[in-house]
C-alpha atoms as a PDB file:
ATOM      1  CA  UNK A   1     115.635 127.064 132.373  1.00  0.00           C
ATOM      2  CA  UNK A   2     114.167 128.054 135.714  1.00  0.00           C
ATOM      3  CA  UNK A   3     112.266 131.269 136.370  1.00  0.00           C
ATOM      4  CA  UNK A   4     115.024 132.764 138.518  1.00  0.00           C
ATOM      5  CA  UNK A   5     117.708 131.948 135.949  1.00  0.00           C
ATOM      6  CA  UNK A   6     115.527 133.385 133.178  1.00  0.00           C
ATOM      7  CA  UNK A   7     115.032 136.539 135.223  1.00  0.00           C
ATOM      8  CA  UNK A   8     118.769 136.928 135.883  1.00  0.00           C
ATOM      9  CA  UNK A   9     119.506 136.312 132.183  1.00  0.00           C
ATOM     10  CA  UNK A  10     116.945 138.978 131.249  1.00  0.00           C
ATOM     11  CA  UNK A  11     118.411 141.492 133.697  1.00  0.00           C
ATOM     12  CA  UNK A  12     121.908 140.893 132.269  1.00  0.00           C
ATOM     13  CA  UNK A  13     120.699 141.203 128.650  1.00  0.00           C
ATOM     14  CA  UNK A  14     118.754 144.386 129.287  1.00  0.00           C
ATOM     15  CA  UNK A  15     121.660 145.831 131.300  1.00  0.00           C
ATOM     16  CA  UNK A  16     123.972 145.229 128.325  1.00  0.00           C
ATOM     17  CA  UNK A  17     121.349 146.906 126.128  1.00  0.00           C
ATOM     18  CA  UNK A  18     121.094 149.925 128.441  1.00  0.00           C
ATOM     19  CA  UNK A  19     124.871 150.418 128.587  1.00  0.00           C
ATOM     20  CA  UNK A  20     125.038 150.007 124.793  1.00  0.00           C
ATOM     21  CA  UNK A  21     122.322 152.648 124.397  1.00  0.00           C
ATOM     22  CA  UNK A  22     124.222 155.061 126.639  1.00  0.00           C
ATOM     23  CA  UNK A  23     127.411 154.427 124.665  1.00  0.00           C
ATOM     24  CA  UNK A  24     125.475 155.038 121.433  1.00  0.00           C
ATOM     25  CA  UNK A  25     124.587 158.529 122.649  1.00  0.00           C
ATOM     26  CA  UNK A  26     128.248 159.264 123.257  1.00  0.00           C
ATOM     27  CA  UNK A  27     129.289 157.560 120.018  1.00  0.00           C
ATOM     28  CA  UNK A  28     126.977 159.599 117.807  1.00  0.00           C
ATOM     29  CA  UNK A  29     127.438 162.843 119.747  1.00  0.00           C
ATOM     30  CA  UNK A  30     131.231 162.525 120.134  1.00  0.00           C
ATOM     31  CA  UNK A  31     130.781 162.776 123.913  1.00  0.00           C
ATOM     32  CA  UNK A  32     132.639 161.075 126.771  1.00  0.00           C
ATOM     33  CA  UNK A  33     133.570 157.868 124.897  1.00  0.00           C
ATOM     34  CA  UNK A  34     137.038 156.747 123.804  1.00  0.00           C
ATOM     35  CA  UNK A  35     135.938 156.067 120.225  1.00  0.00           C
ATOM     36  CA  UNK A  36     133.143 157.878 118.425  1.00  0.00           C
ATOM     37  CA  UNK A  37     131.608 158.208 114.994  1.00  0.00           C
ATOM     38  CA  UNK A  38     134.128 160.892 113.930  1.00  0.00           C
ATOM     39  CA  UNK A  39     137.282 159.791 115.752  1.00  0.00           C
ATOM     40  CA  UNK A  40     139.428 156.683 115.523  1.00  0.00           C
ATOM     41  CA  UNK A  41     141.500 154.777 112.996  1.00  0.00           C
ATOM     42  CA  UNK A  42     140.285 155.520 109.474  1.00  0.00           C
ATOM     43  CA  UNK A  43     142.296 153.394 107.027  1.00  0.00           C
ATOM     44  CA  UNK A  44     141.143 155.244 103.888  1.00  0.00           C
ATOM     45  CA  UNK A  45     137.710 156.359 102.753  1.00  0.00           C
ATOM     46  CA  UNK A  46     137.053 153.344 100.509  1.00  0.00           C
ATOM     47  CA  UNK A  47     138.009 150.915 103.273  1.00  0.00           C
ATOM     48  CA  UNK A  48     136.009 152.850 105.833  1.00  0.00           C
ATOM     49  CA  UNK A  49     132.942 152.918 103.592  1.00  0.00           C
ATOM     50  CA  UNK A  50     133.014 149.142 103.008  1.00  0.00           C
ATOM     51  CA  UNK A  51     133.567 148.313 106.685  1.00  0.00           C
ATOM     52  CA  UNK A  52     130.922 150.759 107.917  1.00  0.00           C
ATOM     53  CA  UNK A  53     128.355 149.518 105.377  1.00  0.00           C
ATOM     54  CA  UNK A  54     129.039 145.905 106.383  1.00  0.00           C
ATOM     55  CA  UNK A  55     128.573 146.798 110.066  1.00  0.00           C
ATOM     56  CA  UNK A  56     125.324 148.654 109.368  1.00  0.00           C
ATOM     57  CA  UNK A  57     124.061 145.740 107.261  1.00  0.00           C
ATOM     58  CA  UNK A  58     124.942 143.260 110.020  1.00  0.00           C
ATOM     59  CA  UNK A  59     122.968 145.245 112.563  1.00  0.00           C
ATOM     60  CA  UNK A  60     120.055 145.932 110.192  1.00  0.00           C
ATOM     61  CA  UNK A  61     119.690 142.360 108.960  1.00  0.00           C
ATOM     62  CA  UNK A  62     120.073 140.841 112.432  1.00  0.00           C
ATOM     63  CA  UNK A  63     117.647 143.335 113.945  1.00  0.00           C
ATOM     64  CA  UNK A  64     115.059 142.883 111.157  1.00  0.00           C
ATOM     65  CA  UNK A  65     115.269 139.115 110.726  1.00  0.00           C
ATOM     66  CA  UNK A  66     115.053 138.346 114.428  1.00  0.00           C
ATOM     67  CA  UNK A  67     111.911 140.524 114.724  1.00  0.00           C
ATOM     68  CA  UNK A  68     109.956 138.428 112.174  1.00  0.00           C
ATOM     69  CA  UNK A  69     107.304 136.001 113.420  1.00  0.00           C
ATOM     70  CA  UNK A  70     108.626 133.165 111.232  1.00  0.00           C
ATOM     71  CA  UNK A  71     112.077 133.491 112.711  1.00  0.00           C
ATOM     72  CA  UNK A  72     110.647 133.653 116.233  1.00  0.00           C
ATOM     73  CA  UNK A  73     108.743 130.387 115.685  1.00  0.00           C
ATOM     74  CA  UNK A  74     111.913 128.650 114.500  1.00  0.00           C
ATOM     75  CA  UNK A  75     114.083 130.354 117.122  1.00  0.00           C
ATOM     76  CA  UNK A  76     111.874 129.300 120.061  1.00  0.00           C
ATOM     77  CA  UNK A  77     112.506 125.661 119.130  1.00  0.00           C
ATOM     78  CA  UNK A  78     116.147 126.301 120.092  1.00  0.00           C
ATOM     79  CA  UNK A  79     115.800 129.069 122.687  1.00  0.00           C
ATOM     80  CA  UNK A  80     113.122 128.785 125.408  1.00  0.00           C
ATOM     81  CA  UNK A  81     110.235 131.210 124.834  1.00  0.00           C
ATOM     82  CA  UNK A  82     110.674 133.078 128.171  1.00  0.00           C
ATOM     83  CA  UNK A  83     114.183 134.217 127.146  1.00  0.00           C
ATOM     84  CA  UNK A  84     113.548 134.778 123.427  1.00  0.00           C
ATOM     85  CA  UNK A  85     113.125 138.553 123.741  1.00  0.00           C
ATOM     86  CA  UNK A  86     116.116 138.888 126.064  1.00  0.00           C
ATOM     87  CA  UNK A  87     118.255 136.957 123.571  1.00  0.00           C
ATOM     88  CA  UNK A  88     117.051 139.220 120.747  1.00  0.00           C
ATOM     89  CA  UNK A  89     118.034 142.270 122.817  1.00  0.00           C
ATOM     90  CA  UNK A  90     121.441 140.738 123.603  1.00  0.00           C
ATOM     91  CA  UNK A  91     122.179 139.903 119.946  1.00  0.00           C
ATOM     92  CA  UNK A  92     121.114 143.360 118.752  1.00  0.00           C
ATOM     93  CA  UNK A  93     123.247 144.995 121.436  1.00  0.00           C
ATOM     94  CA  UNK A  94     126.196 142.802 120.480  1.00  0.00           C
ATOM     95  CA  UNK A  95     125.826 143.862 116.836  1.00  0.00           C
ATOM     96  CA  UNK A  96     125.875 147.521 117.945  1.00  0.00           C
ATOM     97  CA  UNK A  97     128.929 146.908 120.131  1.00  0.00           C
ATOM     98  CA  UNK A  98     130.695 145.413 117.104  1.00  0.00           C
ATOM     99  CA  UNK A  99     129.665 148.458 115.086  1.00  0.00           C
ATOM    100  CA  UNK A 100     131.145 150.790 117.718  1.00  0.00           C
ATOM    101  CA  UNK A 101     134.332 148.727 117.995  1.00  0.00           C
ATOM    102  CA  UNK A 102     135.097 148.368 114.277  1.00  0.00           C
ATOM    103  CA  UNK A 103     133.635 151.660 112.989  1.00  0.00           C
ATOM    104  CA  UNK A 104     135.918 153.645 110.694  1.00  0.00           C
ATOM    105  CA  UNK A 105     135.382 157.414 110.491  1.00  0.00           C
ATOM    106  CA  UNK A 106     135.394 159.042 107.058  1.00  0.00           C
ATOM    107  CA  UNK A 107     137.283 162.318 106.848  1.00  0.00           C
ATOM    108  CA  UNK A 108     135.829 163.319 103.471  1.00  0.00           C
ATOM    109  CA  UNK A 109     132.484 165.102 103.238  1.00  0.00           C
ATOM    110  CA  UNK A 110     129.846 162.500 102.385  1.00  0.00           C
ATOM    111  CA  UNK A 111     126.977 164.981 102.049  1.00  0.00           C
ATOM    112  CA  UNK A 112     126.466 168.669 102.712  1.00  0.00           C
ATOM    113  CA  UNK A 113     123.220 170.501 103.339  1.00  0.00           C
ATOM    114  CA  UNK A 114     122.888 174.240 103.575  1.00  0.00           C
ATOM    115  CA  UNK A 115     119.945 176.253 104.817  1.00  0.00           C
ATOM    116  CA  UNK A 116     118.741 179.320 102.902  1.00  0.00           C
ATOM    117  CA  UNK A 117     116.989 180.747 105.986  1.00  0.00           C
END
C-alpha cells in the first residue's frame, strides 16, 4: 500500500474514531443523539443485561487483544505495519458503534449510591 493511500486510510480511520468519540459523549450524557444510554428499545431487563454485557465484552476483548504485542506481530503479517494502528482504531470504533446501535437501556435501578454530606 502506497504512502498516500496509507495516509488517506489513516485519516478516514481517525475521522471515524473522532465522530464515534463525539457520539459517545452524547450517548453517555443523553445529549443531542437519537439513541442514548437511557433511551431506546429495552426488551426486558434480563434481555438488556445479556445484550449489553455481550457488547461490552466485545469491545473490551477486541480493544485489549489488539493492543497486545503478540497480536500485533501476528496481525502485521496480514495488515501492513504502516496501517496497523489505523486498523486498530477503526476496529475499536466499529465495536463502539455496534455498542451504541444495539444497546438496550435498563429501566430498573442497577445500583444506588447516596451521599451523607
